[in-house]
Amino acid sequence: MFDLSLLGKAVIEGDNEEVKALTEQAINANVDPLVIINEGLIGGMNIVGQRFKVNDMFVPEVLMSARAMNSGIELVKPLLAGGEMTNKGTVIIGTVKGDLHDIGKSLVAMMLECSGFKVVDLGTDVSPEEFVAGIKDNNGQVVALSALLTTTMLAMKSTIEVLQESGLREKVVVMIGGAPITQDFADQIGADGYAGDAAAAVELVTKLLN
């Protein structure tokens, strides 16, 4: 019987090659593809998320783990019926206009994908109009706005205003995050929620969608 905890351990260690090798072994041992993903790959990533939360792991290590996990998922994906993983909801994510910071936003996007959400990453310096187009083109249910500069925080406010003008505000959940962001600021600009880190963001999206 294939030991999925080994796969989880390789994800936690961020060992790309080991994850690929163990994923292939699991596939050859006829382990159900969803079990490989949920118990092996995402199981490992969940522990990474918990460790990250208590500062037992840091951003570079989390990114390595996420990449390792993704390399395993890529091998398993073709075996899933219709090639689709479970989709808990579609999240449109981006760093707001005027802000080019990428790491935090990419980390949140990776963690959301690992947790079964479909993520459409619009990148950095994203205008309110691009967020609107992203929601319309992908039937987005959640919009996640990131800002790392105090000067770009107000772009979050203008993005929410444009969502209102486009008639989309009632249809989507808006969450914001980034170093200078607080719950108070989220309340001020009319966002639905604020997350302080990637693990909290996953919890928040899950909660807001339910």
N, C-alpha and C. Protein backbone atom coordinates (compact mmCIF):
# COMPACT_ATOMS: atom_id res chain seq x y z
N MET A 1 0.86 -1.20 0.00
CA MET A 1 0.00 0.00 0.00
C MET A 1 0.89 1.25 0.00
N PHE A 2 0.58 2.19 -0.86
CA PHE A 2 1.42 3.39 -0.97
C PHE A 2 1.19 4.33 0.21
N ASP A 3 2.30 4.82 0.78
CA ASP A 3 2.21 5.68 1.96
C ASP A 3 2.14 7.16 1.54
N LEU A 4 0.93 7.73 1.62
CA LEU A 4 0.73 9.11 1.16
C LEU A 4 1.40 10.14 2.05
N SER A 5 1.71 9.74 3.30
CA SER A 5 2.35 10.71 4.20
C SER A 5 3.75 11.07 3.69
N LEU A 6 4.38 10.15 2.93
CA LEU A 6 5.70 10.44 2.35
C LEU A 6 5.59 11.57 1.33
N LEU A 7 4.48 11.53 0.58
CA LEU A 7 4.24 12.56 -0.43
C LEU A 7 4.01 13.91 0.25
N GLY A 8 3.21 13.88 1.31
CA GLY A 8 2.97 15.11 2.07
C GLY A 8 4.27 15.68 2.63
N LYS A 9 5.13 14.78 3.11
CA LYS A 9 6.40 15.20 3.70
C LYS A 9 7.29 15.86 2.64
N ALA A 10 7.29 15.29 1.42
CA ALA A 10 8.10 15.86 0.34
C ALA A 10 7.58 17.26 -0.04
N VAL A 11 6.25 17.44 0.02
CA VAL A 11 5.66 18.76 -0.25
C VAL A 11 6.13 19.75 0.82
N ILE A 12 6.05 19.33 2.09
CA ILE A 12 6.45 20.21 3.19
C ILE A 12 7.92 20.62 3.02
N GLU A 13 8.73 19.68 2.56
CA GLU A 13 10.17 19.98 2.38
C GLU A 13 10.44 20.76 1.10
N GLY A 14 9.42 20.90 0.25
CA GLY A 14 9.59 21.66 -0.99
C GLY A 14 10.49 20.96 -1.99
N ASP A 15 10.51 19.61 -1.91
CA ASP A 15 11.40 18.82 -2.77
C ASP A 15 10.69 18.41 -4.07
N ASN A 16 10.90 19.25 -5.08
CA ASN A 16 10.23 19.06 -6.36
C ASN A 16 10.38 17.66 -6.96
N GLU A 17 11.64 17.22 -7.05
CA GLU A 17 11.93 15.93 -7.71
C GLU A 17 11.31 14.77 -6.93
N GLU A 18 11.41 14.86 -5.61
CA GLU A 18 10.86 13.80 -4.75
C GLU A 18 9.33 13.75 -4.89
N VAL A 19 8.70 14.93 -4.96
CA VAL A 19 7.24 14.98 -5.12
C VAL A 19 6.85 14.32 -6.45
N LYS A 20 7.58 14.65 -7.51
CA LYS A 20 7.27 14.05 -8.82
C LYS A 20 7.42 12.53 -8.77
N ALA A 21 8.53 12.09 -8.19
CA ALA A 21 8.81 10.64 -8.14
C ALA A 21 7.73 9.92 -7.33
N LEU A 22 7.38 10.48 -6.16
CA LEU A 22 6.39 9.82 -5.30
C LEU A 22 4.98 9.87 -5.92
N THR A 23 4.69 10.97 -6.61
CA THR A 23 3.38 11.07 -7.27
C THR A 23 3.27 9.99 -8.34
N GLU A 24 4.37 9.80 -9.10
CA GLU A 24 4.35 8.76 -10.13
C GLU A 24 4.20 7.37 -9.51
N GLN A 25 4.87 7.17 -8.38
CA GLN A 25 4.73 5.87 -7.69
C GLN A 25 3.28 5.64 -7.26
N ALA A 26 2.67 6.71 -6.74
CA ALA A 26 1.27 6.59 -6.28
C ALA A 26 0.35 6.28 -7.46
N ILE A 27 0.61 6.95 -8.59
CA ILE A 27 -0.20 6.70 -9.79
C ILE A 27 -0.03 5.24 -10.23
N ASN A 28 1.23 4.78 -10.24
CA ASN A 28 1.50 3.40 -10.66
C ASN A 28 0.91 2.38 -9.69
N ALA A 29 0.72 2.79 -8.43
CA ALA A 29 0.13 1.89 -7.43
C ALA A 29 -1.39 1.96 -7.47
N ASN A 30 -1.90 2.66 -8.50
CA ASN A 30 -3.36 2.80 -8.69
C ASN A 30 -4.09 3.47 -7.53
N VAL A 31 -3.42 4.40 -6.87
CA VAL A 31 -4.11 5.18 -5.84
C VAL A 31 -5.05 6.15 -6.57
N ASP A 32 -6.26 6.30 -6.04
CA ASP A 32 -7.24 7.21 -6.65
C ASP A 32 -6.63 8.61 -6.81
N PRO A 33 -6.73 9.21 -8.02
CA PRO A 33 -6.10 10.51 -8.26
C PRO A 33 -6.52 11.59 -7.26
N LEU A 34 -7.81 11.60 -6.90
CA LEU A 34 -8.27 12.62 -5.95
C LEU A 34 -7.67 12.40 -4.56
N VAL A 35 -7.47 11.13 -4.22
CA VAL A 35 -6.85 10.81 -2.92
C VAL A 35 -5.39 11.29 -2.92
N ILE A 36 -4.70 11.09 -4.06
CA ILE A 36 -3.32 11.57 -4.17
C ILE A 36 -3.27 13.08 -3.93
N ILE A 37 -4.22 13.78 -4.57
CA ILE A 37 -4.23 15.24 -4.44
C ILE A 37 -4.63 15.66 -3.04
N ASN A 38 -5.78 15.17 -2.57
CA ASN A 38 -6.31 15.68 -1.31
C ASN A 38 -5.53 15.21 -0.09
N GLU A 39 -5.17 13.93 -0.06
CA GLU A 39 -4.51 13.43 1.15
C GLU A 39 -3.00 13.57 1.09
N GLY A 40 -2.44 13.43 -0.12
CA GLY A 40 -0.99 13.54 -0.24
C GLY A 40 -0.52 14.97 -0.43
N LEU A 41 -0.87 15.55 -1.59
CA LEU A 41 -0.33 16.86 -1.97
C LEU A 41 -0.93 18.00 -1.14
N ILE A 42 -2.27 18.08 -1.12
CA ILE A 42 -2.89 19.17 -0.36
C ILE A 42 -2.74 18.92 1.14
N GLY A 43 -2.72 17.64 1.52
CA GLY A 43 -2.49 17.31 2.94
C GLY A 43 -1.18 17.91 3.42
N GLY A 44 -0.13 17.77 2.60
CA GLY A 44 1.17 18.36 2.95
C GLY A 44 1.09 19.88 2.98
N MET A 45 0.38 20.45 1.99
CA MET A 45 0.29 21.90 1.89
C MET A 45 -0.50 22.50 3.05
N ASN A 46 -1.48 21.75 3.55
CA ASN A 46 -2.25 22.23 4.70
C ASN A 46 -1.36 22.39 5.93
N ILE A 47 -0.43 21.45 6.09
CA ILE A 47 0.51 21.54 7.22
C ILE A 47 1.42 22.74 7.03
N VAL A 48 1.84 22.97 5.76
CA VAL A 48 2.66 24.15 5.45
C VAL A 48 1.90 25.42 5.85
N GLY A 49 0.61 25.47 5.50
CA GLY A 49 -0.22 26.63 5.83
C GLY A 49 -0.29 26.86 7.33
N GLN A 50 -0.44 25.77 8.09
CA GLN A 50 -0.50 25.89 9.55
C GLN A 50 0.83 26.38 10.11
N ARG A 51 1.93 25.85 9.57
CA ARG A 51 3.25 26.25 10.07
C ARG A 51 3.55 27.71 9.72
N PHE A 52 3.08 28.12 8.54
CA PHE A 52 3.29 29.49 8.08
C PHE A 52 2.57 30.45 9.03
N LYS A 53 1.40 30.04 9.45
CA LYS A 53 0.56 30.87 10.33
C LYS A 53 1.25 31.15 11.66
N VAL A 54 1.98 30.17 12.18
CA VAL A 54 2.63 30.36 13.49
C VAL A 54 4.11 30.73 13.33
N ASN A 55 4.47 31.21 12.12
CA ASN A 55 5.85 31.63 11.84
C ASN A 55 6.88 30.53 11.99
N ASP A 56 6.44 29.29 11.72
CA ASP A 56 7.35 28.17 11.78
C ASP A 56 7.94 27.93 10.38
N MET A 57 7.29 28.52 9.36
CA MET A 57 7.81 28.49 7.99
C MET A 57 7.62 29.89 7.42
N PHE A 58 8.47 30.25 6.45
CA PHE A 58 8.41 31.61 5.92
C PHE A 58 8.14 31.59 4.42
N VAL A 59 7.87 32.78 3.87
CA VAL A 59 7.40 32.87 2.48
C VAL A 59 8.24 32.07 1.48
N PRO A 60 9.58 32.18 1.48
CA PRO A 60 10.34 31.43 0.47
C PRO A 60 10.10 29.92 0.55
N GLU A 61 9.99 29.41 1.80
CA GLU A 61 9.77 27.96 1.97
C GLU A 61 8.36 27.58 1.52
N VAL A 62 7.40 28.44 1.82
CA VAL A 62 6.02 28.16 1.42
C VAL A 62 5.92 28.12 -0.11
N LEU A 63 6.61 29.06 -0.76
CA LEU A 63 6.60 29.09 -2.23
C LEU A 63 7.22 27.81 -2.79
N MET A 64 8.30 27.36 -2.17
CA MET A 64 8.94 26.11 -2.63
C MET A 64 7.98 24.92 -2.48
N SER A 65 7.29 24.89 -1.34
CA SER A 65 6.33 23.80 -1.10
C SER A 65 5.19 23.86 -2.11
N ALA A 66 4.71 25.07 -2.38
CA ALA A 66 3.59 25.22 -3.31
C ALA A 66 4.00 24.78 -4.71
N ARG A 67 5.23 25.15 -5.08
CA ARG A 67 5.71 24.74 -6.42
C ARG A 67 5.84 23.22 -6.50
N ALA A 68 6.37 22.63 -5.43
CA ALA A 68 6.53 21.17 -5.41
C ALA A 68 5.16 20.51 -5.52
N MET A 69 4.20 21.03 -4.75
CA MET A 69 2.86 20.48 -4.79
C MET A 69 2.26 20.59 -6.20
N ASN A 70 2.45 21.75 -6.82
CA ASN A 70 1.91 21.95 -8.17
C ASN A 70 2.51 20.97 -9.17
N SER A 71 3.79 20.66 -9.00
CA SER A 71 4.41 19.72 -9.96
C SER A 71 3.77 18.34 -9.83
N GLY A 72 3.34 17.99 -8.60
CA GLY A 72 2.62 16.73 -8.41
C GLY A 72 1.23 16.79 -9.01
N ILE A 73 0.55 17.92 -8.77
CA ILE A 73 -0.82 18.08 -9.29
C ILE A 73 -0.85 18.00 -10.82
N GLU A 74 0.17 18.59 -11.45
CA GLU A 74 0.23 18.55 -12.93
C GLU A 74 0.27 17.11 -13.44
N LEU A 75 0.94 16.22 -12.69
CA LEU A 75 1.01 14.81 -13.11
C LEU A 75 -0.32 14.10 -12.93
N VAL A 76 -1.07 14.52 -11.90
CA VAL A 76 -2.32 13.82 -11.58
C VAL A 76 -3.50 14.35 -12.40
N LYS A 77 -3.45 15.64 -12.71
CA LYS A 77 -4.58 16.31 -13.40
C LYS A 77 -5.14 15.53 -14.59
N PRO A 78 -4.26 15.04 -15.50
CA PRO A 78 -4.80 14.35 -16.69
C PRO A 78 -5.62 13.11 -16.35
N LEU A 79 -5.45 12.57 -15.13
CA LEU A 79 -6.15 11.33 -14.76
C LEU A 79 -7.53 11.60 -14.20
N LEU A 80 -7.82 12.86 -13.88
CA LEU A 80 -9.11 13.18 -13.28
C LEU A 80 -10.18 13.20 -14.37
N ALA A 81 -11.38 12.79 -14.00
CA ALA A 81 -12.49 12.79 -14.97
C ALA A 81 -12.65 14.20 -15.52
N GLY A 82 -12.53 14.32 -16.84
CA GLY A 82 -12.67 15.64 -17.47
C GLY A 82 -11.50 16.56 -17.17
N GLY A 83 -10.46 16.01 -16.52
CA GLY A 83 -9.27 16.81 -16.24
C GLY A 83 -9.51 17.95 -15.27
N GLU A 84 -10.67 17.95 -14.60
CA GLU A 84 -10.98 19.08 -13.71
C GLU A 84 -10.87 18.67 -12.25
N MET A 85 -10.23 19.54 -11.47
CA MET A 85 -10.26 19.33 -10.03
C MET A 85 -11.54 19.96 -9.51
N THR A 86 -11.91 19.61 -8.28
CA THR A 86 -13.12 20.22 -7.72
C THR A 86 -12.93 21.73 -7.70
N ASN A 87 -13.96 22.45 -8.10
CA ASN A 87 -13.88 23.91 -8.09
C ASN A 87 -14.83 24.46 -7.04
N LYS A 88 -14.25 24.97 -5.97
CA LYS A 88 -15.08 25.49 -4.87
C LYS A 88 -15.59 26.90 -5.17
N GLY A 89 -15.08 27.51 -6.23
CA GLY A 89 -15.47 28.88 -6.54
C GLY A 89 -14.36 29.55 -7.32
N THR A 90 -14.69 30.63 -8.03
CA THR A 90 -13.70 31.32 -8.85
C THR A 90 -13.28 32.63 -8.20
N VAL A 91 -11.98 32.77 -8.02
CA VAL A 91 -11.42 33.97 -7.38
C VAL A 91 -10.62 34.77 -8.41
N ILE A 92 -10.96 36.05 -8.54
CA ILE A 92 -10.19 36.95 -9.41
C ILE A 92 -9.24 37.71 -8.49
N ILE A 93 -7.94 37.59 -8.72
CA ILE A 93 -6.98 38.20 -7.80
C ILE A 93 -6.02 39.11 -8.56
N GLY A 94 -5.58 40.17 -7.90
CA GLY A 94 -4.60 41.05 -8.53
C GLY A 94 -4.10 42.09 -7.55
N THR A 95 -2.94 42.66 -7.86
CA THR A 95 -2.42 43.79 -7.10
C THR A 95 -2.96 45.06 -7.77
N VAL A 96 -3.45 45.99 -6.94
CA VAL A 96 -4.19 47.13 -7.50
C VAL A 96 -3.31 48.10 -8.28
N LYS A 97 -3.99 48.98 -9.01
CA LYS A 97 -3.35 49.99 -9.88
C LYS A 97 -2.25 50.74 -9.14
N GLY A 98 -1.09 50.86 -9.80
CA GLY A 98 0.01 51.63 -9.23
C GLY A 98 0.94 50.83 -8.34
N ASP A 99 0.58 49.56 -8.08
CA ASP A 99 1.38 48.75 -7.16
C ASP A 99 1.93 47.53 -7.91
N LEU A 100 3.24 47.32 -7.81
CA LEU A 100 3.87 46.23 -8.59
C LEU A 100 4.29 45.05 -7.72
N HIS A 101 3.83 45.02 -6.47
CA HIS A 101 4.25 43.93 -5.58
C HIS A 101 3.52 42.63 -5.90
N ASP A 102 4.28 41.56 -5.94
CA ASP A 102 3.76 40.32 -6.50
C ASP A 102 3.76 39.13 -5.54
N ILE A 103 4.75 39.08 -4.62
CA ILE A 103 4.97 37.84 -3.88
C ILE A 103 3.78 37.44 -3.01
N GLY A 104 3.29 38.39 -2.20
CA GLY A 104 2.16 38.06 -1.33
C GLY A 104 0.95 37.61 -2.10
N LYS A 105 0.66 38.35 -3.18
CA LYS A 105 -0.50 38.04 -4.01
C LYS A 105 -0.34 36.65 -4.66
N SER A 106 0.85 36.36 -5.15
CA SER A 106 1.07 35.05 -5.79
C SER A 106 0.94 33.91 -4.79
N LEU A 107 1.38 34.18 -3.56
CA LEU A 107 1.30 33.18 -2.51
C LEU A 107 -0.17 32.87 -2.19
N VAL A 108 -0.97 33.92 -2.06
CA VAL A 108 -2.41 33.74 -1.80
C VAL A 108 -3.04 32.96 -2.95
N ALA A 109 -2.68 33.34 -4.19
CA ALA A 109 -3.24 32.65 -5.36
C ALA A 109 -2.90 31.16 -5.33
N MET A 110 -1.63 30.85 -5.02
CA MET A 110 -1.20 29.45 -4.96
C MET A 110 -1.96 28.68 -3.89
N MET A 111 -2.07 29.30 -2.70
CA MET A 111 -2.73 28.61 -1.58
C MET A 111 -4.22 28.38 -1.89
N LEU A 112 -4.84 29.34 -2.57
CA LEU A 112 -6.25 29.18 -2.93
C LEU A 112 -6.41 28.04 -3.95
N GLU A 113 -5.49 28.01 -4.92
CA GLU A 113 -5.54 26.92 -5.92
C GLU A 113 -5.36 25.57 -5.24
N CYS A 114 -4.42 25.55 -4.30
CA CYS A 114 -4.15 24.29 -3.59
C CYS A 114 -5.38 23.84 -2.81
N SER A 115 -6.24 24.79 -2.46
CA SER A 115 -7.40 24.46 -1.64
C SER A 115 -8.64 24.20 -2.48
N GLY A 116 -8.47 24.14 -3.81
CA GLY A 116 -9.58 23.74 -4.67
C GLY A 116 -10.36 24.87 -5.31
N PHE A 117 -9.84 26.11 -5.20
CA PHE A 117 -10.51 27.22 -5.88
C PHE A 117 -9.90 27.41 -7.27
N LYS A 118 -10.71 27.92 -8.18
CA LYS A 118 -10.16 28.31 -9.49
C LYS A 118 -9.68 29.75 -9.32
N VAL A 119 -8.45 30.00 -9.67
CA VAL A 119 -7.89 31.34 -9.47
C VAL A 119 -7.51 31.96 -10.81
N VAL A 120 -7.98 33.18 -11.04
CA VAL A 120 -7.59 33.94 -12.23
C VAL A 120 -6.72 35.09 -11.72
N ASP A 121 -5.42 34.99 -11.98
CA ASP A 121 -4.47 35.99 -11.47
C ASP A 121 -4.24 37.05 -12.54
N LEU A 122 -4.69 38.27 -12.26
CA LEU A 122 -4.58 39.35 -13.24
C LEU A 122 -3.22 40.05 -13.17
N GLY A 123 -2.37 39.64 -12.21
CA GLY A 123 -1.03 40.23 -12.12
C GLY A 123 -0.99 41.47 -11.25
N THR A 124 -0.09 42.39 -11.59
CA THR A 124 0.09 43.60 -10.78
C THR A 124 -0.36 44.83 -11.56
N ASP A 125 -0.49 45.96 -10.84
CA ASP A 125 -0.86 47.24 -11.47
C ASP A 125 -2.18 47.08 -12.25
N VAL A 126 -3.17 46.45 -11.60
CA VAL A 126 -4.43 46.12 -12.28
C VAL A 126 -5.45 47.25 -12.06
N SER A 127 -5.98 47.77 -13.14
CA SER A 127 -6.94 48.88 -13.03
C SER A 127 -8.31 48.33 -12.61
N PRO A 128 -9.17 49.21 -12.05
CA PRO A 128 -10.53 48.78 -11.68
C PRO A 128 -11.27 48.16 -12.86
N GLU A 129 -11.06 48.73 -14.06
CA GLU A 129 -11.75 48.22 -15.25
C GLU A 129 -11.29 46.80 -15.61
N GLU A 130 -9.99 46.53 -15.36
CA GLU A 130 -9.48 45.18 -15.63
C GLU A 130 -10.08 44.17 -14.66
N PHE A 131 -10.28 44.59 -13.41
CA PHE A 131 -10.94 43.70 -12.44
C PHE A 131 -12.37 43.39 -12.91
N VAL A 132 -13.08 44.43 -13.37
CA VAL A 132 -14.45 44.26 -13.86
C VAL A 132 -14.47 43.26 -15.02
N ALA A 133 -13.55 43.45 -15.98
CA ALA A 133 -13.49 42.54 -17.14
C ALA A 133 -13.18 41.11 -16.67
N GLY A 134 -12.25 40.99 -15.70
CA GLY A 134 -11.88 39.67 -15.18
C GLY A 134 -13.07 38.94 -14.56
N ILE A 135 -13.90 39.70 -13.82
CA ILE A 135 -15.08 39.10 -13.19
C ILE A 135 -16.06 38.64 -14.27
N LYS A 136 -16.30 39.51 -15.24
CA LYS A 136 -17.28 39.19 -16.30
C LYS A 136 -16.82 38.01 -17.15
N ASP A 137 -15.53 38.00 -17.51
CA ASP A 137 -15.02 36.95 -18.41
C ASP A 137 -14.98 35.58 -17.75
N ASN A 138 -14.85 35.56 -16.42
CA ASN A 138 -14.63 34.28 -15.73
C ASN A 138 -15.71 33.91 -14.73
N ASN A 139 -16.81 34.68 -14.75
CA ASN A 139 -17.86 34.46 -13.75
C ASN A 139 -17.28 34.44 -12.34
N GLY A 140 -16.45 35.41 -12.04
CA GLY A 140 -15.80 35.45 -10.72
C GLY A 140 -16.81 35.63 -9.60
N GLN A 141 -16.57 34.92 -8.50
CA GLN A 141 -17.44 35.07 -7.32
C GLN A 141 -16.75 35.86 -6.22
N VAL A 142 -15.41 35.83 -6.27
CA VAL A 142 -14.63 36.54 -5.26
C VAL A 142 -13.61 37.42 -5.97
N VAL A 143 -13.44 38.65 -5.47
CA VAL A 143 -12.38 39.51 -5.98
C VAL A 143 -11.41 39.75 -4.83
N ALA A 144 -10.14 39.42 -5.04
CA ALA A 144 -9.13 39.60 -4.00
C ALA A 144 -8.16 40.69 -4.44
N LEU A 145 -8.14 41.79 -3.69
CA LEU A 145 -7.30 42.94 -4.04
C LEU A 145 -6.11 43.00 -3.09
N SER A 146 -4.93 43.20 -3.66
CA SER A 146 -3.72 43.27 -2.84
C SER A 146 -3.04 44.62 -3.03
N ALA A 147 -2.50 45.16 -1.93
CA ALA A 147 -1.70 46.39 -2.02
C ALA A 147 -0.61 46.33 -0.96
N LEU A 148 0.58 46.75 -1.33
CA LEU A 148 1.66 46.74 -0.34
C LEU A 148 2.10 48.15 0.04
N LEU A 149 1.66 49.13 -0.73
CA LEU A 149 2.06 50.51 -0.46
C LEU A 149 0.88 51.27 0.13
N THR A 150 1.16 52.14 1.11
CA THR A 150 0.06 52.94 1.67
C THR A 150 -0.52 53.83 0.58
N THR A 151 0.31 54.24 -0.38
CA THR A 151 -0.16 55.13 -1.44
C THR A 151 -1.12 54.46 -2.41
N THR A 152 -1.08 53.12 -2.48
CA THR A 152 -1.97 52.44 -3.43
C THR A 152 -3.22 51.87 -2.75
N MET A 153 -3.30 52.03 -1.43
CA MET A 153 -4.47 51.49 -0.73
C MET A 153 -5.78 52.08 -1.27
N LEU A 154 -5.72 53.37 -1.64
CA LEU A 154 -6.96 54.02 -2.11
C LEU A 154 -7.44 53.46 -3.45
N ALA A 155 -6.52 52.81 -4.18
CA ALA A 155 -6.95 52.17 -5.44
C ALA A 155 -7.93 51.03 -5.14
N MET A 156 -7.85 50.47 -3.93
CA MET A 156 -8.82 49.43 -3.55
C MET A 156 -10.21 50.04 -3.46
N LYS A 157 -10.25 51.24 -2.86
CA LYS A 157 -11.53 51.95 -2.71
C LYS A 157 -12.12 52.25 -4.09
N SER A 158 -11.27 52.78 -5.00
CA SER A 158 -11.81 53.13 -6.32
C SER A 158 -12.22 51.87 -7.09
N THR A 159 -11.54 50.76 -6.86
CA THR A 159 -11.94 49.50 -7.52
C THR A 159 -13.34 49.09 -7.06
N ILE A 160 -13.57 49.19 -5.75
CA ILE A 160 -14.90 48.83 -5.22
C ILE A 160 -15.97 49.77 -5.79
N GLU A 161 -15.61 51.06 -5.91
CA GLU A 161 -16.57 52.03 -6.48
C GLU A 161 -16.92 51.68 -7.92
N VAL A 162 -15.91 51.29 -8.70
CA VAL A 162 -16.16 50.91 -10.10
C VAL A 162 -17.01 49.63 -10.17
N LEU A 163 -16.79 48.71 -9.24
CA LEU A 163 -17.62 47.50 -9.20
C LEU A 163 -19.08 47.88 -8.95
N GLN A 164 -19.28 48.89 -8.08
CA GLN A 164 -20.64 49.35 -7.80
C GLN A 164 -21.27 49.96 -9.06
N GLU A 165 -20.48 50.81 -9.73
CA GLU A 165 -20.98 51.46 -10.95
C GLU A 165 -21.33 50.44 -12.03
N SER A 166 -20.57 49.34 -12.07
CA SER A 166 -20.81 48.34 -13.13
C SER A 166 -21.94 47.39 -12.75
N GLY A 167 -22.49 47.57 -11.56
CA GLY A 167 -23.58 46.68 -11.14
C GLY A 167 -23.10 45.31 -10.70
N LEU A 168 -21.79 45.18 -10.42
CA LEU A 168 -21.25 43.86 -10.05
C LEU A 168 -21.06 43.70 -8.54
N ARG A 169 -21.12 44.82 -7.83
CA ARG A 169 -20.75 44.76 -6.41
C ARG A 169 -21.60 43.76 -5.62
N GLU A 170 -22.90 43.69 -5.96
CA GLU A 170 -23.78 42.77 -5.22
C GLU A 170 -23.50 41.31 -5.55
N LYS A 171 -22.84 41.09 -6.70
CA LYS A 171 -22.67 39.71 -7.17
C LYS A 171 -21.36 39.08 -6.71
N VAL A 172 -20.44 39.89 -6.21
CA VAL A 172 -19.13 39.33 -5.83
C VAL A 172 -18.78 39.67 -4.39
N VAL A 173 -17.94 38.81 -3.84
CA VAL A 173 -17.39 39.04 -2.51
C VAL A 173 -16.03 39.73 -2.71
N VAL A 174 -15.80 40.83 -2.01
CA VAL A 174 -14.52 41.55 -2.16
C VAL A 174 -13.69 41.38 -0.90
N MET A 175 -12.48 40.83 -1.06
CA MET A 175 -11.56 40.74 0.08
C MET A 175 -10.27 41.46 -0.26
N ILE A 176 -9.66 42.04 0.77
CA ILE A 176 -8.43 42.79 0.54
C ILE A 176 -7.33 42.32 1.48
N GLY A 177 -6.08 42.58 1.09
CA GLY A 177 -4.97 42.18 1.93
C GLY A 177 -3.69 42.89 1.50
N GLY A 178 -2.65 42.75 2.32
CA GLY A 178 -1.38 43.42 2.06
C GLY A 178 -0.87 44.02 3.36
N ALA A 179 0.41 44.32 3.40
CA ALA A 179 1.04 44.76 4.65
C ALA A 179 0.34 45.93 5.35
N PRO A 180 -0.04 47.01 4.64
CA PRO A 180 -0.60 48.15 5.36
C PRO A 180 -2.09 48.03 5.66
N ILE A 181 -2.71 46.95 5.20
CA ILE A 181 -4.18 46.85 5.26
C ILE A 181 -4.64 46.37 6.63
N THR A 182 -5.74 46.91 7.11
CA THR A 182 -6.32 46.49 8.39
C THR A 182 -7.81 46.21 8.20
N GLN A 183 -8.39 45.59 9.22
CA GLN A 183 -9.83 45.34 9.19
C GLN A 183 -10.59 46.67 9.16
N ASP A 184 -10.09 47.66 9.89
CA ASP A 184 -10.73 48.99 9.91
C ASP A 184 -10.82 49.57 8.51
N PHE A 185 -9.70 49.46 7.78
CA PHE A 185 -9.67 50.00 6.41
C PHE A 185 -10.67 49.25 5.52
N ALA A 186 -10.72 47.92 5.71
CA ALA A 186 -11.67 47.11 4.93
C ALA A 186 -13.10 47.59 5.19
N ASP A 187 -13.41 47.87 6.46
CA ASP A 187 -14.75 48.35 6.81
C ASP A 187 -15.02 49.73 6.19
N GLN A 188 -14.00 50.58 6.24
CA GLN A 188 -14.14 51.95 5.71
C GLN A 188 -14.50 51.96 4.23
N ILE A 189 -13.84 51.09 3.45
CA ILE A 189 -14.04 51.15 1.99
C ILE A 189 -15.13 50.19 1.50
N GLY A 190 -15.73 49.48 2.47
CA GLY A 190 -16.85 48.60 2.08
C GLY A 190 -16.44 47.26 1.50
N ALA A 191 -15.24 46.76 1.90
CA ALA A 191 -14.85 45.40 1.48
C ALA A 191 -15.57 44.39 2.38
N ASP A 192 -15.69 43.15 1.91
CA ASP A 192 -16.38 42.13 2.71
C ASP A 192 -15.47 41.48 3.74
N GLY A 193 -14.16 41.61 3.54
CA GLY A 193 -13.28 40.97 4.49
C GLY A 193 -11.83 41.33 4.25
N TYR A 194 -11.00 41.03 5.25
CA TYR A 194 -9.57 41.32 5.18
C TYR A 194 -8.82 40.11 5.71
N ALA A 195 -7.73 39.76 5.05
CA ALA A 195 -6.91 38.64 5.52
C ALA A 195 -5.47 39.11 5.69
N GLY A 196 -4.87 38.73 6.80
CA GLY A 196 -3.51 39.18 7.12
C GLY A 196 -2.43 38.34 6.46
N ASP A 197 -2.75 37.11 6.08
CA ASP A 197 -1.74 36.27 5.41
C ASP A 197 -2.44 35.25 4.52
N ALA A 198 -1.65 34.47 3.80
CA ALA A 198 -2.21 33.56 2.79
C ALA A 198 -3.13 32.50 3.41
N ALA A 199 -2.73 31.97 4.57
CA ALA A 199 -3.56 30.94 5.20
C ALA A 199 -4.90 31.53 5.63
N ALA A 200 -4.85 32.75 6.17
CA ALA A 200 -6.09 33.43 6.60
C ALA A 200 -6.96 33.74 5.38
N ALA A 201 -6.32 34.04 4.24
CA ALA A 201 -7.07 34.36 3.02
C ALA A 201 -7.89 33.16 2.57
N VAL A 202 -7.30 31.97 2.65
CA VAL A 202 -8.01 30.75 2.24
C VAL A 202 -9.22 30.54 3.16
N GLU A 203 -8.99 30.72 4.47
CA GLU A 203 -10.09 30.55 5.43
C GLU A 203 -11.20 31.56 5.15
N LEU A 204 -10.80 32.79 4.85
CA LEU A 204 -11.76 33.87 4.63
C LEU A 204 -12.61 33.60 3.37
N VAL A 205 -11.96 33.21 2.29
CA VAL A 205 -12.71 32.94 1.05
C VAL A 205 -13.71 31.82 1.29
N THR A 206 -13.25 30.76 1.96
CA THR A 206 -14.13 29.62 2.24
C THR A 206 -15.34 30.08 3.04
N LYS A 207 -15.07 30.92 4.05
CA LYS A 207 -16.16 31.39 4.93
C LYS A 207 -17.12 32.31 4.16
N LEU A 208 -16.56 33.25 3.39
CA LEU A 208 -17.40 34.22 2.68
C LEU A 208 -18.28 33.55 1.62
N LEU A 209 -17.76 32.49 0.99
CA LEU A 209 -18.54 31.83 -0.05
C LEU A 209 -19.61 30.92 0.53
N ASN A 210 -19.41 30.50 1.79
CA ASN A 210 -20.43 29.64 2.40
C ASN A 210 -21.45 30.49 3.16
